[in-house]
Amino acid sequence: MQNTNLEYRVGYTPLSGRLYAGYLRKDNGKWEGSPHEVTDWAMFAVGQKLAREETDMLFPLPDGRVMRVSAVITDAETMEDANAQR
């Protein structure tokens, strides 16, 4: 039997800068059990999807601006050059 009071969520914690996934209670918004830290896997999966589909994702922000998320696959040498310029 499935608990309909639980909802699977992925959330961002600004304090740690990490992403967590797990079940939240719909009635009080608290984690049910321990959430799993999924930052690296989630970021990699989104990057793969965007790069493969050659598209960006656009998210409207409350202040009217738009956040654009994109990914590009490059050669390792290109990445080293970009890091050296920082």
PDB file of N, CA and C in Angstrom:
ATOM      1  N   MET A   1       0.841  -1.188   0.000  1.00  0.00           N
ATOM      2  CA  MET A   1       0.000   0.000   0.000  1.00  0.00           C
ATOM      3  C   MET A   1       0.887   1.254   0.000  1.00  0.00           C
ATOM      4  N   GLN A   2       0.562   2.221  -0.810  1.00  0.00           N
ATOM      5  CA  GLN A   2       1.368   3.423  -0.968  1.00  0.00           C
ATOM      6  C   GLN A   2       0.849   4.542  -0.066  1.00  0.00           C
ATOM      7  N   ASN A   3       1.780   5.252   0.587  1.00  0.00           N
ATOM      8  CA  ASN A   3       1.412   6.377   1.446  1.00  0.00           C
ATOM      9  C   ASN A   3       1.213   7.610   0.562  1.00  0.00           C
ATOM     10  N   THR A   4      -0.019   8.085   0.446  1.00  0.00           N
ATOM     11  CA  THR A   4      -0.310   9.237  -0.412  1.00  0.00           C
ATOM     12  C   THR A   4       0.032  10.564   0.251  1.00  0.00           C
ATOM     13  N   ASN A   5       0.478  10.526   1.503  1.00  0.00           N
ATOM     14  CA  ASN A   5       0.870  11.750   2.200  1.00  0.00           C
ATOM     15  C   ASN A   5       2.340  12.093   1.940  1.00  0.00           C
ATOM     16  N   LEU A   6       3.043  11.239   1.183  1.00  0.00           N
ATOM     17  CA  LEU A   6       4.454  11.470   0.886  1.00  0.00           C
ATOM     18  C   LEU A   6       4.629  11.856  -0.577  1.00  0.00           C
ATOM     19  N   GLU A   7       5.600  12.737  -0.810  1.00  0.00           N
ATOM     20  CA  GLU A   7       5.898  13.186  -2.169  1.00  0.00           C
ATOM     21  C   GLU A   7       7.411  13.175  -2.348  1.00  0.00           C
ATOM     22  N   TYR A   8       7.907  12.591  -3.447  1.00  0.00           N
ATOM     23  CA  TYR A   8       9.344  12.547  -3.708  1.00  0.00           C
ATOM     24  C   TYR A   8       9.785  13.912  -4.215  1.00  0.00           C
ATOM     25  N   ARG A   9      10.831  14.448  -3.624  1.00  0.00           N
ATOM     26  CA  ARG A   9      11.303  15.794  -3.980  1.00  0.00           C
ATOM     27  C   ARG A   9      12.823  15.838  -4.058  1.00  0.00           C
ATOM     28  N   VAL A  10      13.310  16.785  -4.834  1.00  0.00           N
ATOM     29  CA  VAL A  10      14.724  17.144  -4.848  1.00  0.00           C
ATOM     30  C   VAL A  10      14.781  18.598  -4.424  1.00  0.00           C
ATOM     31  N   GLY A  11      15.626  18.903  -3.449  1.00  0.00           N
ATOM     32  CA  GLY A  11      15.707  20.265  -2.940  1.00  0.00           C
ATOM     33  C   GLY A  11      17.138  20.750  -2.813  1.00  0.00           C
ATOM     34  N   TYR A  12      17.299  22.058  -2.859  1.00  0.00           N
ATOM     35  CA  TYR A  12      18.602  22.719  -2.734  1.00  0.00           C
ATOM     36  C   TYR A  12      18.701  23.354  -1.362  1.00  0.00           C
ATOM     37  N   THR A  13      19.848  23.157  -0.718  1.00  0.00           N
ATOM     38  CA  THR A  13      20.091  23.756   0.589  1.00  0.00           C
ATOM     39  C   THR A  13      21.180  24.813   0.446  1.00  0.00           C
ATOM     40  N   PRO A  14      20.834  26.106   0.503  1.00  0.00           N
ATOM     41  CA  PRO A  14      21.830  27.166   0.333  1.00  0.00           C
ATOM     42  C   PRO A  14      22.954  27.113   1.369  1.00  0.00           C
ATOM     43  N   LEU A  15      22.656  26.660   2.562  1.00  0.00           N
ATOM     44  CA  LEU A  15      23.666  26.619   3.618  1.00  0.00           C
ATOM     45  C   LEU A  15      24.832  25.710   3.243  1.00  0.00           C
ATOM     46  N   SER A  16      24.531  24.545   2.678  1.00  0.00           N
ATOM     47  CA  SER A  16      25.590  23.601   2.303  1.00  0.00           C
ATOM     48  C   SER A  16      25.909  23.660   0.812  1.00  0.00           C
ATOM     49  N   GLY A  17      25.008  24.256   0.027  1.00  0.00           N
ATOM     50  CA  GLY A  17      25.202  24.300  -1.413  1.00  0.00           C
ATOM     51  C   GLY A  17      24.984  22.953  -2.080  1.00  0.00           C
ATOM     52  N   ARG A  18      24.285  22.058  -1.428  1.00  0.00           N
ATOM     53  CA  ARG A  18      24.090  20.702  -1.940  1.00  0.00           C
ATOM     54  C   ARG A  18      22.625  20.452  -2.290  1.00  0.00           C
ATOM     55  N   LEU A  19      22.398  19.423  -3.117  1.00  0.00           N
ATOM     56  CA  LEU A  19      21.059  18.970  -3.489  1.00  0.00           C
ATOM     57  C   LEU A  19      20.748  17.685  -2.734  1.00  0.00           C
ATOM     58  N   TYR A  20      19.523  17.577  -2.267  1.00  0.00           N
ATOM     59  CA  TYR A  20      19.085  16.384  -1.539  1.00  0.00           C
ATOM     60  C   TYR A  20      17.800  15.868  -2.159  1.00  0.00           C
ATOM     61  N   ALA A  21      17.627  14.536  -2.134  1.00  0.00           N
ATOM     62  CA  ALA A  21      16.416  13.906  -2.661  1.00  0.00           C
ATOM     63  C   ALA A  21      15.864  12.940  -1.631  1.00  0.00           C
ATOM     64  N   GLY A  22      14.548  12.877  -1.573  1.00  0.00           N
ATOM     65  CA  GLY A  22      13.898  11.956  -0.653  1.00  0.00           C
ATOM     66  C   GLY A  22      12.418  12.263  -0.579  1.00  0.00           C
ATOM     67  N   TYR A  23      11.770  11.651   0.391  1.00  0.00           N
ATOM     68  CA  TYR A  23      10.325  11.825   0.555  1.00  0.00           C
ATOM     69  C   TYR A  23      10.016  12.908   1.574  1.00  0.00           C
ATOM     70  N   LEU A  24       9.117  13.808   1.191  1.00  0.00           N
ATOM     71  CA  LEU A  24       8.623  14.862   2.076  1.00  0.00           C
ATOM     72  C   LEU A  24       7.173  14.575   2.413  1.00  0.00           C
ATOM     73  N   ARG A  25       6.806  14.921   3.629  1.00  0.00           N
ATOM     74  CA  ARG A  25       5.406  14.803   4.036  1.00  0.00           C
ATOM     75  C   ARG A  25       4.643  15.989   3.452  1.00  0.00           C
ATOM     76  N   LYS A  26       3.512  15.730   2.822  1.00  0.00           N
ATOM     77  CA  LYS A  26       2.692  16.802   2.245  1.00  0.00           C
ATOM     78  C   LYS A  26       2.050  17.669   3.320  1.00  0.00           C
ATOM     79  N   ASP A  27       1.787  17.088   4.491  1.00  0.00           N
ATOM     80  CA  ASP A  27       1.078  17.842   5.527  1.00  0.00           C
ATOM     81  C   ASP A  27       1.952  18.851   6.258  1.00  0.00           C
ATOM     82  N   ASN A  28       3.267  18.565   6.401  1.00  0.00           N
ATOM     83  CA  ASN A  28       4.102  19.505   7.147  1.00  0.00           C
ATOM     84  C   ASN A  28       5.399  19.888   6.426  1.00  0.00           C
ATOM     85  N   GLY A  29       5.670  19.304   5.265  1.00  0.00           N
ATOM     86  CA  GLY A  29       6.854  19.660   4.489  1.00  0.00           C
ATOM     87  C   GLY A  29       8.166  19.164   5.049  1.00  0.00           C
ATOM     88  N   LYS A  30       8.128  18.256   6.009  1.00  0.00           N
ATOM     89  CA  LYS A  30       9.360  17.734   6.616  1.00  0.00           C
ATOM     90  C   LYS A  30       9.774  16.435   5.930  1.00  0.00           C
ATOM     91  N   TRP A  31      11.104  16.198   5.932  1.00  0.00           N
ATOM     92  CA  TRP A  31      11.629  14.972   5.346  1.00  0.00           C
ATOM     93  C   TRP A  31      11.114  13.767   6.121  1.00  0.00           C
ATOM     94  N   GLU A  32      10.758  12.725   5.405  1.00  0.00           N
ATOM     95  CA  GLU A  32      10.378  11.445   5.996  1.00  0.00           C
ATOM     96  C   GLU A  32      11.591  10.535   5.835  1.00  0.00           C
ATOM     97  N   GLY A  33      12.229  10.178   6.938  1.00  0.00           N
ATOM     98  CA  GLY A  33      13.477   9.430   6.845  1.00  0.00           C
ATOM     99  C   GLY A  33      14.611  10.372   6.494  1.00  0.00           C
ATOM    100  N   SER A  34      15.717   9.810   6.046  1.00  0.00           N
ATOM    101  CA  SER A  34      16.892  10.618   5.719  1.00  0.00           C
ATOM    102  C   SER A  34      16.947  10.905   4.225  1.00  0.00           C
ATOM    103  N   PRO A  35      17.061  12.177   3.842  1.00  0.00           N
ATOM    104  CA  PRO A  35      17.225  12.489   2.422  1.00  0.00           C
ATOM    105  C   PRO A  35      18.628  12.081   1.963  1.00  0.00           C
ATOM    106  N   HIS A  36      18.771  11.828   0.678  1.00  0.00           N
ATOM    107  CA  HIS A  36      20.055  11.427   0.109  1.00  0.00           C
ATOM    108  C   HIS A  36      20.703  12.618  -0.579  1.00  0.00           C
ATOM    109  N   GLU A  37      22.005  12.798  -0.396  1.00  0.00           N
ATOM    110  CA  GLU A  37      22.750  13.861  -1.057  1.00  0.00           C
ATOM    111  C   GLU A  37      22.989  13.423  -2.504  1.00  0.00           C
ATOM    112  N   VAL A  38      22.518  14.209  -3.481  1.00  0.00           N
ATOM    113  CA  VAL A  38      22.556  13.811  -4.894  1.00  0.00           C
ATOM    114  C   VAL A  38      23.161  14.882  -5.806  1.00  0.00           C
ATOM    115  N   THR A  39      23.888  15.836  -5.249  1.00  0.00           N
ATOM    116  CA  THR A  39      24.350  16.992  -6.024  1.00  0.00           C
ATOM    117  C   THR A  39      25.097  16.610  -7.296  1.00  0.00           C
ATOM    118  N   ASP A  40      26.167  15.855  -7.167  1.00  0.00           N
ATOM    119  CA  ASP A  40      27.001  15.557  -8.335  1.00  0.00           C
ATOM    120  C   ASP A  40      26.248  14.753  -9.389  1.00  0.00           C
ATOM    121  N   TRP A  41      25.489  13.744  -8.955  1.00  0.00           N
ATOM    122  CA  TRP A  41      24.734  12.928  -9.912  1.00  0.00           C
ATOM    123  C   TRP A  41      23.649  13.746 -10.600  1.00  0.00           C
ATOM    124  N   ALA A  42      22.960  14.579  -9.862  1.00  0.00           N
ATOM    125  CA  ALA A  42      21.882  15.383 -10.447  1.00  0.00           C
ATOM    126  C   ALA A  42      22.437  16.386 -11.458  1.00  0.00           C
ATOM    127  N   MET A  43      23.524  17.062 -11.093  1.00  0.00           N
ATOM    128  CA  MET A  43      24.119  18.046 -11.998  1.00  0.00           C
ATOM    129  C   MET A  43      24.617  17.370 -13.276  1.00  0.00           C
ATOM    130  N   PHE A  44      25.247  16.206 -13.126  1.00  0.00           N
ATOM    131  CA  PHE A  44      25.759  15.476 -14.285  1.00  0.00           C
ATOM    132  C   PHE A  44      24.614  15.024 -15.189  1.00  0.00           C
ATOM    133  N   ALA A  45      23.536  14.518 -14.600  1.00  0.00           N
ATOM    134  CA  ALA A  45      22.391  14.052 -15.388  1.00  0.00           C
ATOM    135  C   ALA A  45      21.755  15.200 -16.170  1.00  0.00           C
ATOM    136  N   VAL A  46      21.592  16.351 -15.538  1.00  0.00           N
ATOM    137  CA  VAL A  46      21.022  17.517 -16.226  1.00  0.00           C
ATOM    138  C   VAL A  46      21.954  17.965 -17.349  1.00  0.00           C
ATOM    139  N   GLY A  47      23.254  18.000 -17.066  1.00  0.00           N
ATOM    140  CA  GLY A  47      24.224  18.373 -18.095  1.00  0.00           C
ATOM    141  C   GLY A  47      24.177  17.447 -19.296  1.00  0.00           C
ATOM    142  N   GLN A  48      24.099  16.142 -19.040  1.00  0.00           N
ATOM    143  CA  GLN A  48      24.007  15.170 -20.133  1.00  0.00           C
ATOM    144  C   GLN A  48      22.760  15.405 -20.979  1.00  0.00           C
ATOM    145  N   LYS A  49      21.642  15.599 -20.328  1.00  0.00           N
ATOM    146  CA  LYS A  49      20.373  15.804 -21.039  1.00  0.00           C
ATOM    147  C   LYS A  49      20.436  17.056 -21.919  1.00  0.00           C
ATOM    148  N   LEU A  50      20.893  18.164 -21.352  1.00  0.00           N
ATOM    149  CA  LEU A  50      20.930  19.416 -22.108  1.00  0.00           C
ATOM    150  C   LEU A  50      21.919  19.344 -23.267  1.00  0.00           C
ATOM    151  N   ALA A  51      23.092  18.755 -23.026  1.00  0.00           N
ATOM    152  CA  ALA A  51      24.095  18.653 -24.084  1.00  0.00           C
ATOM    153  C   ALA A  51      23.618  17.733 -25.201  1.00  0.00           C
ATOM    154  N   ARG A  52      23.026  16.602 -24.842  1.00  0.00           N
ATOM    155  CA  ARG A  52      22.561  15.650 -25.858  1.00  0.00           C
ATOM    156  C   ARG A  52      21.434  16.247 -26.699  1.00  0.00           C
ATOM    157  N   GLU A  53      20.525  16.968 -26.060  1.00  0.00           N
ATOM    158  CA  GLU A  53      19.387  17.551 -26.781  1.00  0.00           C
ATOM    159  C   GLU A  53      19.733  18.893 -27.419  1.00  0.00           C
ATOM    160  N   GLU A  54      20.937  19.398 -27.132  1.00  0.00           N
ATOM    161  CA  GLU A  54      21.396  20.693 -27.646  1.00  0.00           C
ATOM    162  C   GLU A  54      20.352  21.774 -27.425  1.00  0.00           C
ATOM    163  N   THR A  55      19.939  21.897 -26.173  1.00  0.00           N
ATOM    164  CA  THR A  55      18.914  22.877 -25.818  1.00  0.00           C
ATOM    165  C   THR A  55      19.257  23.520 -24.479  1.00  0.00           C
ATOM    166  N   ASP A  56      18.600  24.603 -24.179  1.00  0.00           N
ATOM    167  CA  ASP A  56      18.708  25.264 -22.879  1.00  0.00           C
ATOM    168  C   ASP A  56      17.385  25.083 -22.150  1.00  0.00           C
ATOM    169  N   MET A  57      17.418  25.232 -20.838  1.00  0.00           N
ATOM    170  CA  MET A  57      16.185  25.270 -20.054  1.00  0.00           C
ATOM    171  C   MET A  57      16.050  26.674 -19.502  1.00  0.00           C
ATOM    172  N   LEU A  58      14.859  27.229 -19.577  1.00  0.00           N
ATOM    173  CA  LEU A  58      14.591  28.577 -19.086  1.00  0.00           C
ATOM    174  C   LEU A  58      13.622  28.501 -17.917  1.00  0.00           C
ATOM    175  N   PHE A  59      13.977  29.189 -16.836  1.00  0.00           N
ATOM    176  CA  PHE A  59      13.148  29.202 -15.635  1.00  0.00           C
ATOM    177  C   PHE A  59      12.845  30.642 -15.252  1.00  0.00           C
ATOM    178  N   PRO A  60      11.568  31.044 -15.252  1.00  0.00           N
ATOM    179  CA  PRO A  60      11.225  32.408 -14.828  1.00  0.00           C
ATOM    180  C   PRO A  60      11.469  32.575 -13.332  1.00  0.00           C
ATOM    181  N   LEU A  61      12.013  33.715 -12.957  1.00  0.00           N
ATOM    182  CA  LEU A  61      12.276  34.036 -11.555  1.00  0.00           C
ATOM    183  C   LEU A  61      11.211  35.002 -11.043  1.00  0.00           C
ATOM    184  N   PRO A  62      10.998  35.025  -9.729  1.00  0.00           N
ATOM    185  CA  PRO A  62       9.951  35.891  -9.161  1.00  0.00           C
ATOM    186  C   PRO A  62      10.107  37.372  -9.507  1.00  0.00           C
ATOM    187  N   ASP A  63      11.354  37.828  -9.728  1.00  0.00           N
ATOM    188  CA  ASP A  63      11.565  39.251 -10.011  1.00  0.00           C
ATOM    189  C   ASP A  63      11.425  39.594 -11.496  1.00  0.00           C
ATOM    190  N   GLY A  64      11.002  38.615 -12.312  1.00  0.00           N
ATOM    191  CA  GLY A  64      10.793  38.870 -13.729  1.00  0.00           C
ATOM    192  C   GLY A  64      11.961  38.472 -14.619  1.00  0.00           C
ATOM    193  N   ARG A  65      13.127  38.239 -14.030  1.00  0.00           N
ATOM    194  CA  ARG A  65      14.261  37.785 -14.832  1.00  0.00           C
ATOM    195  C   ARG A  65      14.073  36.311 -15.179  1.00  0.00           C
ATOM    196  N   VAL A  66      14.954  35.796 -16.038  1.00  0.00           N
ATOM    197  CA  VAL A  66      14.893  34.392 -16.444  1.00  0.00           C
ATOM    198  C   VAL A  66      16.258  33.758 -16.211  1.00  0.00           C
ATOM    199  N   MET A  67      16.264  32.571 -15.608  1.00  0.00           N
ATOM    200  CA  MET A  67      17.499  31.822 -15.422  1.00  0.00           C
ATOM    201  C   MET A  67      17.613  30.825 -16.576  1.00  0.00           C
ATOM    202  N   ARG A  68      18.740  30.878 -17.303  1.00  0.00           N
ATOM    203  CA  ARG A  68      18.973  29.946 -18.401  1.00  0.00           C
ATOM    204  C   ARG A  68      20.037  28.943 -17.979  1.00  0.00           C
ATOM    205  N   VAL A  69      19.734  27.654 -18.136  1.00  0.00           N
ATOM    206  CA  VAL A  69      20.669  26.581 -17.815  1.00  0.00           C
ATOM    207  C   VAL A  69      21.028  25.888 -19.120  1.00  0.00           C
ATOM    208  N   SER A  70      22.338  25.737 -19.369  1.00  0.00           N
ATOM    209  CA  SER A  70      22.777  25.087 -20.600  1.00  0.00           C
ATOM    210  C   SER A  70      24.024  24.256 -20.315  1.00  0.00           C
ATOM    211  N   ALA A  71      24.372  23.385 -21.251  1.00  0.00           N
ATOM    212  CA  ALA A  71      25.565  22.552 -21.103  1.00  0.00           C
ATOM    213  C   ALA A  71      26.190  22.339 -22.474  1.00  0.00           C
ATOM    214  N   VAL A  72      27.523  22.319 -22.498  1.00  0.00           N
ATOM    215  CA  VAL A  72      28.272  22.093 -23.726  1.00  0.00           C
ATOM    216  C   VAL A  72      29.361  21.078 -23.421  1.00  0.00           C
ATOM    217  N   ILE A  73      29.533  20.091 -24.284  1.00  0.00           N
ATOM    218  CA  ILE A  73      30.614  19.119 -24.127  1.00  0.00           C
ATOM    219  C   ILE A  73      31.791  19.614 -24.950  1.00  0.00           C
ATOM    220  N   THR A  74      32.974  19.697 -24.316  1.00  0.00           N
ATOM    221  CA  THR A  74      34.180  20.183 -24.986  1.00  0.00           C
ATOM    222  C   THR A  74      35.315  19.184 -24.791  1.00  0.00           C
ATOM    223  N   ASP A  75      36.391  19.376 -25.540  1.00  0.00           N
ATOM    224  CA  ASP A  75      37.592  18.569 -25.344  1.00  0.00           C
ATOM    225  C   ASP A  75      38.248  18.963 -24.030  1.00  0.00           C
ATOM    226  N   ALA A  76      39.018  18.061 -23.447  1.00  0.00           N
ATOM    227  CA  ALA A  76      39.673  18.324 -22.166  1.00  0.00           C
ATOM    228  C   ALA A  76      40.612  19.522 -22.263  1.00  0.00           C
ATOM    229  N   GLU A  77      41.297  19.682 -23.389  1.00  0.00           N
ATOM    230  CA  GLU A  77      42.227  20.805 -23.546  1.00  0.00           C
ATOM    231  C   GLU A  77      41.489  22.136 -23.482  1.00  0.00           C
ATOM    232  N   THR A  78      40.300  22.199 -24.050  1.00  0.00           N
ATOM    233  CA  THR A  78      39.497  23.419 -24.025  1.00  0.00           C
ATOM    234  C   THR A  78      39.160  23.797 -22.590  1.00  0.00           C
ATOM    235  N   MET A  79      38.845  22.816 -21.784  1.00  0.00           N
ATOM    236  CA  MET A  79      38.503  23.062 -20.383  1.00  0.00           C
ATOM    237  C   MET A  79      39.715  23.574 -19.614  1.00  0.00           C
ATOM    238  N   GLU A  80      40.881  22.989 -19.870  1.00  0.00           N
ATOM    239  CA  GLU A  80      42.100  23.435 -19.196  1.00  0.00           C
ATOM    240  C   GLU A  80      42.411  24.883 -19.554  1.00  0.00           C
ATOM    241  N   ASP A  81      42.222  25.258 -20.820  1.00  0.00           N
ATOM    242  CA  ASP A  81      42.455  26.636 -21.253  1.00  0.00           C
ATOM    243  C   ASP A  81      41.494  27.596 -20.559  1.00  0.00           C
ATOM    244  N   ALA A  82      40.237  27.206 -20.437  1.00  0.00           N
ATOM    245  CA  ALA A  82      39.234  28.059 -19.791  1.00  0.00           C
ATOM    246  C   ALA A  82      39.568  28.259 -18.320  1.00  0.00           C
ATOM    247  N   ASN A  83      40.015  27.212 -17.634  1.00  0.00           N
ATOM    248  CA  ASN A  83      40.382  27.329 -16.221  1.00  0.00           C
ATOM    249  C   ASN A  83      41.614  28.203 -16.036  1.00  0.00           C
ATOM    250  N   ALA A  84      42.551  28.155 -16.970  1.00  0.00           N
ATOM    251  CA  ALA A  84      43.768  28.958 -16.870  1.00  0.00           C
ATOM    252  C   ALA A  84      43.466  30.443 -17.025  1.00  0.00           C
ATOM    253  N   GLN A  85      42.397  30.793 -17.744  1.00  0.00           N
ATOM    254  CA  GLN A  85      42.045  32.190 -17.975  1.00  0.00           C
ATOM    255  C   GLN A  85      41.320  32.815 -16.798  1.00  0.00           C
ATOM    256  N   ARG A  86      40.909  32.040 -15.828  1.00  0.00           N
ATOM    257  CA  ARG A  86      40.172  32.577 -14.676  1.00  0.00           C
ATOM    258  C   ARG A  86      41.078  33.297 -13.729  1.00  0.00           C
TER     259      ARG A  86
END
